[in-house]
Amino acid sequence: MPKPRRLSGADIIKIFEEFGFTIKNQRGSHIKLTRSCLGTTQALLVSNHKELKTGAIVGIFKQALQYIPEPDLRSHFYSE
C-alpha cells in the first residue's frame, strides 16, 4: 500500500498551481486556492506549514479529487 509523501504547504500549493489553481487569499495559516473551470469556481483550502501531518495531506488529496482525476493527482501525493 502506498504511503503519503511528507509535504509542506508550499509543496502542495506548487502541485495545485500545475493544475491551474491560484492563491485567492490567506487567513492565518490557511491559504485558499481557486480556479475557474467551465463557468464555475473551484476552491481548495491548504494549511501553510513547514510539514503537514499525514491526515492533513490525505484530507487535502481527497478534497482535490472532486476537481482533479485521481490518476493525475496520485503520483504527487503518494510514493509508490
N, C-alpha and C. Protein backbone atom coordinates (compact mmCIF):
# COMPACT_ATOMS: atom_id res chain seq x y z
N MET A 1 0.84 -1.18 0.00
CA MET A 1 0.00 0.00 0.00
C MET A 1 0.89 1.24 0.00
N PRO A 2 0.65 2.18 -0.91
CA PRO A 2 1.49 3.38 -0.97
C PRO A 2 1.26 4.29 0.23
N LYS A 3 2.33 4.95 0.66
CA LYS A 3 2.25 5.86 1.79
C LYS A 3 2.22 7.30 1.28
N PRO A 4 1.50 8.16 2.00
CA PRO A 4 1.51 9.58 1.61
C PRO A 4 2.90 10.17 1.76
N ARG A 5 3.27 11.03 0.84
CA ARG A 5 4.56 11.72 0.91
C ARG A 5 4.53 12.74 2.05
N ARG A 6 5.70 13.09 2.54
CA ARG A 6 5.82 14.16 3.53
C ARG A 6 5.90 15.47 2.75
N LEU A 7 4.89 16.30 2.86
CA LEU A 7 4.80 17.53 2.07
C LEU A 7 4.58 18.74 2.98
N SER A 8 5.03 19.88 2.51
CA SER A 8 4.76 21.14 3.21
C SER A 8 3.59 21.83 2.51
N GLY A 9 3.08 22.87 3.12
CA GLY A 9 2.03 23.65 2.48
C GLY A 9 2.49 24.23 1.16
N ALA A 10 3.75 24.71 1.13
CA ALA A 10 4.30 25.28 -0.11
C ALA A 10 4.39 24.23 -1.21
N ASP A 11 4.75 22.99 -0.85
CA ASP A 11 4.81 21.90 -1.84
C ASP A 11 3.44 21.65 -2.45
N ILE A 12 2.42 21.63 -1.61
CA ILE A 12 1.07 21.35 -2.09
C ILE A 12 0.56 22.49 -2.97
N ILE A 13 0.87 23.72 -2.61
CA ILE A 13 0.47 24.86 -3.44
C ILE A 13 1.11 24.77 -4.82
N LYS A 14 2.38 24.38 -4.89
CA LYS A 14 3.05 24.22 -6.19
C LYS A 14 2.38 23.13 -7.02
N ILE A 15 1.97 22.04 -6.38
CA ILE A 15 1.29 20.96 -7.09
C ILE A 15 0.00 21.48 -7.72
N PHE A 16 -0.80 22.20 -6.93
CA PHE A 16 -2.08 22.68 -7.44
C PHE A 16 -1.92 23.80 -8.46
N GLU A 17 -0.84 24.55 -8.39
CA GLU A 17 -0.58 25.57 -9.42
C GLU A 17 -0.35 24.91 -10.77
N GLU A 18 0.21 23.70 -10.79
CA GLU A 18 0.39 22.96 -12.04
C GLU A 18 -0.96 22.62 -12.67
N PHE A 19 -2.01 22.51 -11.84
CA PHE A 19 -3.35 22.18 -12.32
C PHE A 19 -4.20 23.43 -12.55
N GLY A 20 -3.59 24.61 -12.49
CA GLY A 20 -4.29 25.84 -12.82
C GLY A 20 -4.86 26.62 -11.65
N PHE A 21 -4.62 26.18 -10.43
CA PHE A 21 -5.11 26.91 -9.26
C PHE A 21 -4.19 28.08 -8.95
N THR A 22 -4.77 29.15 -8.42
CA THR A 22 -4.01 30.32 -7.98
C THR A 22 -4.43 30.68 -6.56
N ILE A 23 -3.56 31.37 -5.87
CA ILE A 23 -3.86 31.79 -4.50
C ILE A 23 -4.86 32.94 -4.55
N LYS A 24 -5.98 32.76 -3.88
CA LYS A 24 -7.01 33.82 -3.84
C LYS A 24 -6.80 34.69 -2.60
N ASN A 25 -6.68 34.05 -1.43
CA ASN A 25 -6.44 34.82 -0.22
C ASN A 25 -5.85 33.91 0.86
N GLN A 26 -5.45 34.55 1.96
CA GLN A 26 -4.88 33.81 3.08
C GLN A 26 -5.43 34.40 4.36
N ARG A 27 -5.80 33.55 5.27
CA ARG A 27 -6.25 33.97 6.59
C ARG A 27 -5.51 33.12 7.61
N GLY A 28 -4.58 33.73 8.30
CA GLY A 28 -3.74 32.98 9.22
C GLY A 28 -2.84 32.05 8.44
N SER A 29 -2.86 30.77 8.79
CA SER A 29 -2.01 29.81 8.10
C SER A 29 -2.76 29.06 7.00
N HIS A 30 -4.00 29.44 6.72
CA HIS A 30 -4.78 28.75 5.70
C HIS A 30 -4.82 29.58 4.42
N ILE A 31 -4.51 28.91 3.32
CA ILE A 31 -4.48 29.56 2.01
C ILE A 31 -5.60 28.97 1.15
N LYS A 32 -6.37 29.86 0.54
CA LYS A 32 -7.45 29.43 -0.34
C LYS A 32 -6.97 29.52 -1.77
N LEU A 33 -7.05 28.39 -2.47
CA LEU A 33 -6.68 28.31 -3.89
C LEU A 33 -7.95 28.19 -4.71
N THR A 34 -8.00 28.88 -5.84
CA THR A 34 -9.17 28.80 -6.71
C THR A 34 -8.76 28.68 -8.16
N ARG A 35 -9.69 28.18 -8.96
CA ARG A 35 -9.56 28.19 -10.42
C ARG A 35 -10.96 28.20 -11.01
N SER A 36 -11.08 28.76 -12.20
CA SER A 36 -12.36 28.77 -12.91
C SER A 36 -12.33 27.67 -13.95
N CYS A 37 -13.40 26.90 -13.98
CA CYS A 37 -13.49 25.79 -14.92
C CYS A 37 -14.94 25.65 -15.39
N LEU A 38 -15.16 25.81 -16.65
CA LEU A 38 -16.49 25.69 -17.26
C LEU A 38 -17.53 26.58 -16.57
N GLY A 39 -17.13 27.79 -16.25
CA GLY A 39 -18.06 28.74 -15.67
C GLY A 39 -18.27 28.63 -14.17
N THR A 40 -17.61 27.67 -13.52
CA THR A 40 -17.74 27.52 -12.08
C THR A 40 -16.38 27.79 -11.42
N THR A 41 -16.43 28.17 -10.17
CA THR A 41 -15.20 28.40 -9.42
C THR A 41 -14.94 27.20 -8.52
N GLN A 42 -13.75 26.65 -8.62
CA GLN A 42 -13.35 25.52 -7.80
C GLN A 42 -12.38 26.03 -6.74
N ALA A 43 -12.58 25.61 -5.48
CA ALA A 43 -11.76 26.13 -4.39
C ALA A 43 -11.20 24.99 -3.54
N LEU A 44 -9.97 25.17 -3.08
CA LEU A 44 -9.30 24.24 -2.18
C LEU A 44 -8.70 25.03 -1.04
N LEU A 45 -8.64 24.44 0.14
CA LEU A 45 -8.07 25.08 1.31
C LEU A 45 -6.85 24.29 1.75
N VAL A 46 -5.70 24.97 1.91
CA VAL A 46 -4.44 24.33 2.25
C VAL A 46 -3.83 25.02 3.46
N SER A 47 -3.36 24.24 4.43
CA SER A 47 -2.64 24.79 5.57
C SER A 47 -1.20 25.07 5.15
N ASN A 48 -0.70 26.22 5.49
CA ASN A 48 0.65 26.59 5.09
C ASN A 48 1.62 26.36 6.26
N HIS A 49 2.05 25.11 6.42
CA HIS A 49 3.00 24.75 7.46
C HIS A 49 4.22 24.11 6.82
N LYS A 50 5.33 24.07 7.56
CA LYS A 50 6.57 23.50 7.01
C LYS A 50 6.42 22.02 6.72
N GLU A 51 5.69 21.30 7.56
CA GLU A 51 5.44 19.89 7.30
C GLU A 51 4.05 19.56 7.79
N LEU A 52 3.21 19.07 6.89
CA LEU A 52 1.84 18.72 7.24
C LEU A 52 1.77 17.30 7.77
N LYS A 53 0.83 17.08 8.67
CA LYS A 53 0.61 15.73 9.19
C LYS A 53 0.00 14.86 8.11
N THR A 54 0.18 13.57 8.23
CA THR A 54 -0.31 12.62 7.22
C THR A 54 -1.81 12.77 7.00
N GLY A 55 -2.56 12.90 8.07
CA GLY A 55 -4.02 13.04 7.93
C GLY A 55 -4.42 14.28 7.16
N ALA A 56 -3.69 15.37 7.35
CA ALA A 56 -3.98 16.60 6.62
C ALA A 56 -3.68 16.43 5.13
N ILE A 57 -2.59 15.75 4.82
CA ILE A 57 -2.23 15.51 3.42
C ILE A 57 -3.29 14.66 2.73
N VAL A 58 -3.73 13.60 3.41
CA VAL A 58 -4.77 12.73 2.84
C VAL A 58 -6.07 13.50 2.69
N GLY A 59 -6.40 14.35 3.65
CA GLY A 59 -7.62 15.15 3.56
C GLY A 59 -7.60 16.12 2.39
N ILE A 60 -6.47 16.77 2.17
CA ILE A 60 -6.33 17.68 1.03
C ILE A 60 -6.43 16.90 -0.28
N PHE A 61 -5.82 15.73 -0.32
CA PHE A 61 -5.89 14.87 -1.51
C PHE A 61 -7.35 14.52 -1.82
N LYS A 62 -8.09 14.09 -0.81
CA LYS A 62 -9.50 13.72 -1.01
C LYS A 62 -10.34 14.92 -1.42
N GLN A 63 -10.04 16.08 -0.85
CA GLN A 63 -10.75 17.30 -1.21
C GLN A 63 -10.51 17.63 -2.69
N ALA A 64 -9.29 17.45 -3.15
CA ALA A 64 -8.94 17.78 -4.53
C ALA A 64 -9.51 16.79 -5.54
N LEU A 65 -9.86 15.59 -5.11
CA LEU A 65 -10.39 14.58 -6.04
C LEU A 65 -11.71 15.00 -6.67
N GLN A 66 -12.42 15.93 -6.05
CA GLN A 66 -13.67 16.37 -6.66
C GLN A 66 -13.42 17.23 -7.90
N TYR A 67 -12.18 17.71 -8.09
CA TYR A 67 -11.86 18.57 -9.24
C TYR A 67 -10.82 17.97 -10.19
N ILE A 68 -9.95 17.10 -9.66
CA ILE A 68 -8.84 16.57 -10.43
C ILE A 68 -8.93 15.05 -10.42
N PRO A 69 -8.80 14.38 -11.57
CA PRO A 69 -8.86 12.91 -11.60
C PRO A 69 -7.74 12.28 -10.76
N GLU A 70 -8.08 11.20 -10.07
CA GLU A 70 -7.13 10.54 -9.18
C GLU A 70 -5.83 10.11 -9.86
N PRO A 71 -5.86 9.53 -11.07
CA PRO A 71 -4.59 9.13 -11.69
C PRO A 71 -3.62 10.31 -11.91
N ASP A 72 -4.16 11.50 -12.17
CA ASP A 72 -3.31 12.67 -12.37
C ASP A 72 -2.72 13.18 -11.07
N LEU A 73 -3.42 13.00 -9.98
CA LEU A 73 -3.04 13.58 -8.70
C LEU A 73 -2.24 12.64 -7.81
N ARG A 74 -2.47 11.33 -7.93
CA ARG A 74 -1.90 10.35 -7.01
C ARG A 74 -0.37 10.40 -6.95
N SER A 75 0.30 10.54 -8.05
CA SER A 75 1.77 10.49 -8.05
C SER A 75 2.39 11.68 -7.29
N HIS A 76 1.63 12.76 -7.16
CA HIS A 76 2.13 13.93 -6.43
C HIS A 76 2.02 13.74 -4.91
N PHE A 77 1.04 12.95 -4.48
CA PHE A 77 0.76 12.82 -3.06
C PHE A 77 1.22 11.50 -2.44
N TYR A 78 1.39 10.46 -3.25
CA TYR A 78 1.75 9.14 -2.72
C TYR A 78 3.03 8.62 -3.36
N SER A 79 3.87 7.97 -2.53
CA SER A 79 5.06 7.30 -3.07
C SER A 79 4.65 5.87 -3.42
N GLU A 80 5.10 5.39 -4.51
CA GLU A 80 4.72 4.04 -4.97
C GLU A 80 5.59 2.98 -4.40
